[in-house]
């Protein structure tokens, strides 16, 4: 064994932070903000670049939010696995009969 102690509650806490970060990234509105700038200046060079930026950031923002969500789910799963393993080990150890002392 590696000697590493795992606290499932801390893992769940981290998962919550990752989930919140993903939600914040996903709802940041950057693409929409660029689109609003473009709409305010129709036909201008600024509108062209803002519209291009809106399209360019949409997918990376979605992908980053998805990465955070995946990390949160994996961390939650790991917390459950560690907890289940600890519970199973404790149950198995309690079944061991020790001879008279």
N, C-alpha and C. Protein backbone atom coordinates (compact mmCIF):
# COMPACT_ATOMS: atom_id res chain seq x y z
N UNK A 1 0.84 -1.18 0.00
CA UNK A 1 0.00 0.00 0.00
C UNK A 1 0.88 1.24 0.00
N UNK A 2 0.41 2.29 -0.56
CA UNK A 2 1.22 3.49 -0.73
C UNK A 2 1.31 4.35 0.52
N UNK A 3 0.49 4.11 1.49
CA UNK A 3 0.49 4.95 2.69
C UNK A 3 -0.30 6.23 2.53
N UNK A 4 -0.95 6.40 1.41
CA UNK A 4 -1.74 7.60 1.16
C UNK A 4 -3.10 7.44 1.82
N UNK A 5 -3.51 8.46 2.54
CA UNK A 5 -4.83 8.43 3.16
C UNK A 5 -5.77 9.28 2.32
N UNK A 6 -6.90 8.72 2.01
CA UNK A 6 -7.87 9.40 1.16
C UNK A 6 -9.10 9.75 1.99
N UNK A 7 -9.51 10.99 1.88
CA UNK A 7 -10.71 11.45 2.57
C UNK A 7 -11.81 11.64 1.52
N UNK A 8 -12.77 10.71 1.45
CA UNK A 8 -13.83 10.80 0.44
C UNK A 8 -14.60 12.12 0.50
N UNK A 9 -14.77 12.67 1.71
CA UNK A 9 -15.49 13.94 1.81
C UNK A 9 -14.72 15.08 1.15
N UNK A 10 -13.40 15.06 1.28
CA UNK A 10 -12.59 16.08 0.60
C UNK A 10 -12.69 15.91 -0.91
N UNK A 11 -12.69 14.67 -1.38
CA UNK A 11 -12.86 14.43 -2.81
C UNK A 11 -14.21 14.96 -3.29
N UNK A 12 -15.24 14.71 -2.51
CA UNK A 12 -16.56 15.22 -2.90
C UNK A 12 -16.58 16.75 -2.90
N UNK A 13 -15.89 17.35 -1.95
CA UNK A 13 -15.79 18.81 -1.93
C UNK A 13 -15.10 19.34 -3.16
N UNK A 14 -14.00 18.69 -3.55
CA UNK A 14 -13.30 19.08 -4.76
C UNK A 14 -14.21 18.91 -5.98
N UNK A 15 -14.97 17.82 -6.01
CA UNK A 15 -15.89 17.59 -7.12
C UNK A 15 -16.91 18.72 -7.22
N UNK A 16 -17.39 19.18 -6.08
CA UNK A 16 -18.34 20.30 -6.09
C UNK A 16 -17.71 21.57 -6.64
N UNK A 17 -16.45 21.81 -6.28
CA UNK A 17 -15.74 22.99 -6.79
C UNK A 17 -15.55 22.87 -8.30
N UNK A 18 -15.15 21.70 -8.77
CA UNK A 18 -14.97 21.49 -10.20
C UNK A 18 -16.29 21.66 -10.95
N UNK A 19 -17.36 21.14 -10.37
CA UNK A 19 -18.67 21.27 -10.99
C UNK A 19 -19.08 22.74 -11.08
N UNK A 20 -18.86 23.48 -10.01
CA UNK A 20 -19.18 24.91 -10.01
C UNK A 20 -18.34 25.68 -11.01
N UNK A 21 -17.07 25.31 -11.12
CA UNK A 21 -16.19 25.97 -12.09
C UNK A 21 -16.67 25.71 -13.51
N UNK A 22 -17.06 24.47 -13.78
CA UNK A 22 -17.57 24.14 -15.10
C UNK A 22 -18.84 24.91 -15.43
N UNK A 23 -19.71 25.03 -14.45
CA UNK A 23 -20.95 25.79 -14.67
C UNK A 23 -20.63 27.25 -14.94
N UNK A 24 -19.67 27.80 -14.20
CA UNK A 24 -19.29 29.21 -14.39
C UNK A 24 -18.69 29.43 -15.77
N UNK A 25 -17.82 28.53 -16.19
CA UNK A 25 -17.22 28.64 -17.52
C UNK A 25 -18.31 28.52 -18.59
N UNK A 26 -19.17 27.53 -18.44
CA UNK A 26 -20.21 27.29 -19.43
C UNK A 26 -21.21 28.42 -19.57
N UNK A 27 -21.40 29.16 -18.50
CA UNK A 27 -22.39 30.25 -18.55
C UNK A 27 -21.73 31.63 -18.56
N UNK A 28 -20.45 31.70 -18.91
CA UNK A 28 -19.73 32.98 -18.85
C UNK A 28 -20.26 34.01 -19.84
N UNK A 29 -20.85 33.57 -20.93
CA UNK A 29 -21.46 34.50 -21.88
C UNK A 29 -20.48 35.23 -22.78
N UNK A 30 -19.24 34.77 -22.87
CA UNK A 30 -18.25 35.47 -23.68
C UNK A 30 -18.64 35.49 -25.16
N UNK A 31 -19.07 34.36 -25.68
CA UNK A 31 -19.47 34.31 -27.08
C UNK A 31 -20.63 35.26 -27.35
N UNK A 32 -21.60 35.27 -26.45
CA UNK A 32 -22.75 36.15 -26.60
C UNK A 32 -22.35 37.62 -26.51
N UNK A 33 -21.37 37.93 -25.65
CA UNK A 33 -20.90 39.31 -25.53
C UNK A 33 -20.26 39.78 -26.84
N UNK A 34 -19.45 38.93 -27.44
CA UNK A 34 -18.86 39.28 -28.74
C UNK A 34 -19.96 39.48 -29.79
N UNK A 35 -20.96 38.63 -29.77
CA UNK A 35 -22.06 38.75 -30.73
C UNK A 35 -22.82 40.06 -30.53
N UNK A 36 -23.00 40.48 -29.27
CA UNK A 36 -23.68 41.76 -29.01
C UNK A 36 -22.86 42.94 -29.53
N UNK A 37 -21.55 42.86 -29.37
CA UNK A 37 -20.68 43.92 -29.90
C UNK A 37 -20.84 43.98 -31.41
N UNK A 38 -20.83 42.84 -32.06
CA UNK A 38 -20.99 42.79 -33.51
C UNK A 38 -22.32 43.38 -33.94
N UNK A 39 -23.37 43.10 -33.18
CA UNK A 39 -24.70 43.61 -33.52
C UNK A 39 -24.78 45.13 -33.37
N UNK A 40 -23.99 45.68 -32.48
CA UNK A 40 -24.01 47.14 -32.26
C UNK A 40 -23.31 47.91 -33.37
N UNK A 41 -22.44 47.26 -34.10
CA UNK A 41 -21.63 47.95 -35.11
C UNK A 41 -21.72 47.25 -36.46
N UNK A 42 -22.95 47.08 -36.98
CA UNK A 42 -23.11 46.30 -38.21
C UNK A 42 -22.29 46.88 -39.37
N UNK A 43 -21.66 45.97 -40.10
CA UNK A 43 -20.91 46.37 -41.29
C UNK A 43 -19.51 46.88 -41.01
N UNK A 44 -19.16 47.04 -39.77
CA UNK A 44 -17.83 47.58 -39.44
C UNK A 44 -16.80 46.45 -39.35
N UNK A 45 -15.55 46.86 -39.38
CA UNK A 45 -14.47 45.89 -39.20
C UNK A 45 -14.53 45.28 -37.80
N UNK A 46 -14.90 46.10 -36.82
CA UNK A 46 -15.03 45.62 -35.45
C UNK A 46 -16.11 44.54 -35.37
N UNK A 47 -17.22 44.76 -36.08
CA UNK A 47 -18.30 43.77 -36.08
C UNK A 47 -17.81 42.45 -36.68
N UNK A 48 -17.03 42.54 -37.74
CA UNK A 48 -16.50 41.32 -38.36
C UNK A 48 -15.64 40.54 -37.36
N UNK A 49 -14.71 41.26 -36.71
CA UNK A 49 -13.82 40.58 -35.76
C UNK A 49 -14.57 40.07 -34.54
N UNK A 50 -15.52 40.83 -34.06
CA UNK A 50 -16.30 40.40 -32.90
C UNK A 50 -17.12 39.16 -33.24
N UNK A 51 -17.71 39.15 -34.43
CA UNK A 51 -18.49 37.99 -34.87
C UNK A 51 -17.59 36.76 -35.02
N UNK A 52 -16.41 36.98 -35.58
CA UNK A 52 -15.44 35.89 -35.73
C UNK A 52 -15.02 35.36 -34.36
N UNK A 53 -14.79 36.26 -33.42
CA UNK A 53 -14.40 35.86 -32.06
C UNK A 53 -15.53 35.08 -31.39
N UNK A 54 -16.77 35.53 -31.59
CA UNK A 54 -17.92 34.83 -31.00
C UNK A 54 -17.95 33.38 -31.45
N UNK A 55 -17.75 33.18 -32.74
CA UNK A 55 -17.74 31.81 -33.27
C UNK A 55 -16.53 31.02 -32.77
N UNK A 56 -15.39 31.70 -32.65
CA UNK A 56 -14.15 31.02 -32.28
C UNK A 56 -14.14 30.54 -30.83
N UNK A 57 -14.78 31.27 -29.93
CA UNK A 57 -14.70 30.89 -28.51
C UNK A 57 -15.83 29.96 -28.07
N UNK A 58 -16.87 29.84 -28.86
CA UNK A 58 -18.03 29.04 -28.46
C UNK A 58 -17.67 27.59 -28.11
N UNK A 59 -17.00 26.90 -29.02
CA UNK A 59 -16.68 25.48 -28.80
C UNK A 59 -15.62 25.28 -27.72
N UNK A 60 -14.55 26.06 -27.69
CA UNK A 60 -13.59 25.87 -26.59
C UNK A 60 -14.20 26.09 -25.20
N UNK A 61 -15.11 27.03 -25.09
CA UNK A 61 -15.78 27.26 -23.80
C UNK A 61 -16.63 26.05 -23.44
N UNK A 62 -17.36 25.53 -24.40
CA UNK A 62 -18.19 24.34 -24.15
C UNK A 62 -17.30 23.15 -23.76
N UNK A 63 -16.18 22.99 -24.47
CA UNK A 63 -15.28 21.87 -24.19
C UNK A 63 -14.66 21.99 -22.80
N UNK A 64 -14.26 23.19 -22.42
CA UNK A 64 -13.66 23.38 -21.09
C UNK A 64 -14.69 23.10 -20.00
N UNK A 65 -15.91 23.58 -20.18
CA UNK A 65 -16.97 23.30 -19.20
C UNK A 65 -17.20 21.80 -19.09
N UNK A 66 -17.16 21.11 -20.22
CA UNK A 66 -17.34 19.66 -20.23
C UNK A 66 -16.19 18.95 -19.50
N UNK A 67 -14.97 19.45 -19.66
CA UNK A 67 -13.82 18.86 -18.95
C UNK A 67 -14.00 18.98 -17.44
N UNK A 68 -14.45 20.15 -16.99
CA UNK A 68 -14.70 20.32 -15.56
C UNK A 68 -15.78 19.35 -15.07
N UNK A 69 -16.84 19.20 -15.86
CA UNK A 69 -17.92 18.29 -15.47
C UNK A 69 -17.42 16.85 -15.41
N UNK A 70 -16.59 16.46 -16.36
CA UNK A 70 -16.02 15.11 -16.37
C UNK A 70 -15.12 14.89 -15.16
N UNK A 71 -14.30 15.88 -14.85
CA UNK A 71 -13.42 15.78 -13.67
C UNK A 71 -14.24 15.66 -12.39
N UNK A 72 -15.33 16.43 -12.31
CA UNK A 72 -16.19 16.38 -11.12
C UNK A 72 -16.82 14.99 -10.98
N UNK A 73 -17.32 14.45 -12.08
CA UNK A 73 -17.95 13.12 -12.03
C UNK A 73 -16.93 12.05 -11.65
N UNK A 74 -15.73 12.12 -12.23
CA UNK A 74 -14.71 11.12 -11.92
C UNK A 74 -14.28 11.20 -10.46
N UNK A 75 -14.17 12.42 -9.94
CA UNK A 75 -13.76 12.59 -8.55
C UNK A 75 -14.83 12.08 -7.60
N UNK A 76 -16.10 12.33 -7.93
CA UNK A 76 -17.20 11.81 -7.11
C UNK A 76 -17.19 10.29 -7.11
N UNK A 77 -16.98 9.71 -8.29
CA UNK A 77 -16.91 8.25 -8.39
C UNK A 77 -15.76 7.71 -7.56
N UNK A 78 -14.60 8.35 -7.64
CA UNK A 78 -13.45 7.91 -6.85
C UNK A 78 -13.75 7.97 -5.36
N UNK A 79 -14.42 9.02 -4.93
CA UNK A 79 -14.78 9.14 -3.51
C UNK A 79 -15.65 7.96 -3.09
N UNK A 80 -16.61 7.62 -3.92
CA UNK A 80 -17.49 6.49 -3.61
C UNK A 80 -16.74 5.17 -3.57
N UNK A 81 -15.80 5.00 -4.50
CA UNK A 81 -15.01 3.76 -4.54
C UNK A 81 -14.15 3.64 -3.29
N UNK A 82 -13.47 4.72 -2.91
CA UNK A 82 -12.64 4.68 -1.70
C UNK A 82 -13.49 4.38 -0.48
N UNK A 83 -14.65 5.02 -0.40
CA UNK A 83 -15.53 4.81 0.75
C UNK A 83 -16.02 3.37 0.80
N UNK A 84 -16.44 2.85 -0.36
CA UNK A 84 -16.93 1.47 -0.42
C UNK A 84 -15.82 0.49 -0.06
N UNK A 85 -14.62 0.74 -0.55
CA UNK A 85 -13.49 -0.14 -0.24
C UNK A 85 -13.20 -0.14 1.25
N UNK A 86 -13.21 1.04 1.86
CA UNK A 86 -12.98 1.12 3.31
C UNK A 86 -14.05 0.36 4.08
N UNK A 87 -15.31 0.53 3.68
CA UNK A 87 -16.41 -0.15 4.36
C UNK A 87 -16.30 -1.67 4.20
N UNK A 88 -15.96 -2.12 2.99
CA UNK A 88 -15.81 -3.56 2.74
C UNK A 88 -14.65 -4.13 3.55
N UNK A 89 -13.54 -3.41 3.59
CA UNK A 89 -12.39 -3.88 4.35
C UNK A 89 -12.72 -3.97 5.83
N UNK A 90 -13.41 -2.96 6.35
CA UNK A 90 -13.79 -2.97 7.76
C UNK A 90 -14.71 -4.16 8.05
N UNK A 91 -15.65 -4.42 7.14
CA UNK A 91 -16.57 -5.55 7.33
C UNK A 91 -15.81 -6.87 7.29
N UNK A 92 -14.87 -7.00 6.36
CA UNK A 92 -14.07 -8.23 6.27
C UNK A 92 -13.21 -8.42 7.51
N UNK A 93 -12.60 -7.36 7.99
CA UNK A 93 -11.76 -7.47 9.18
C UNK A 93 -12.57 -7.84 10.42
N UNK A 94 -13.81 -7.37 10.47
CA UNK A 94 -14.64 -7.69 11.63
C UNK A 94 -15.04 -9.16 11.67
N UNK A 95 -14.91 -9.86 10.55
CA UNK A 95 -15.26 -11.29 10.48
C UNK A 95 -14.12 -12.19 10.95
N UNK A 96 -12.94 -11.62 11.08
CA UNK A 96 -11.79 -12.43 11.49
C UNK A 96 -11.91 -12.75 12.97
N UNK A 97 -11.82 -14.03 13.24
CA UNK A 97 -11.89 -14.46 14.64
C UNK A 97 -10.47 -14.61 15.16
N UNK A 98 -10.23 -13.90 16.21
CA UNK A 98 -8.91 -13.96 16.84
C UNK A 98 -9.00 -14.97 17.98
N UNK A 99 -7.97 -15.78 18.09
CA UNK A 99 -7.95 -16.79 19.15
C UNK A 99 -7.94 -16.17 20.53
N UNK A 100 -8.01 -17.01 21.54
CA UNK A 100 -8.03 -16.50 22.91
C UNK A 100 -6.76 -15.71 23.21
N UNK A 101 -6.94 -14.71 23.99
CA UNK A 101 -5.80 -13.85 24.34
C UNK A 101 -5.20 -14.25 25.63
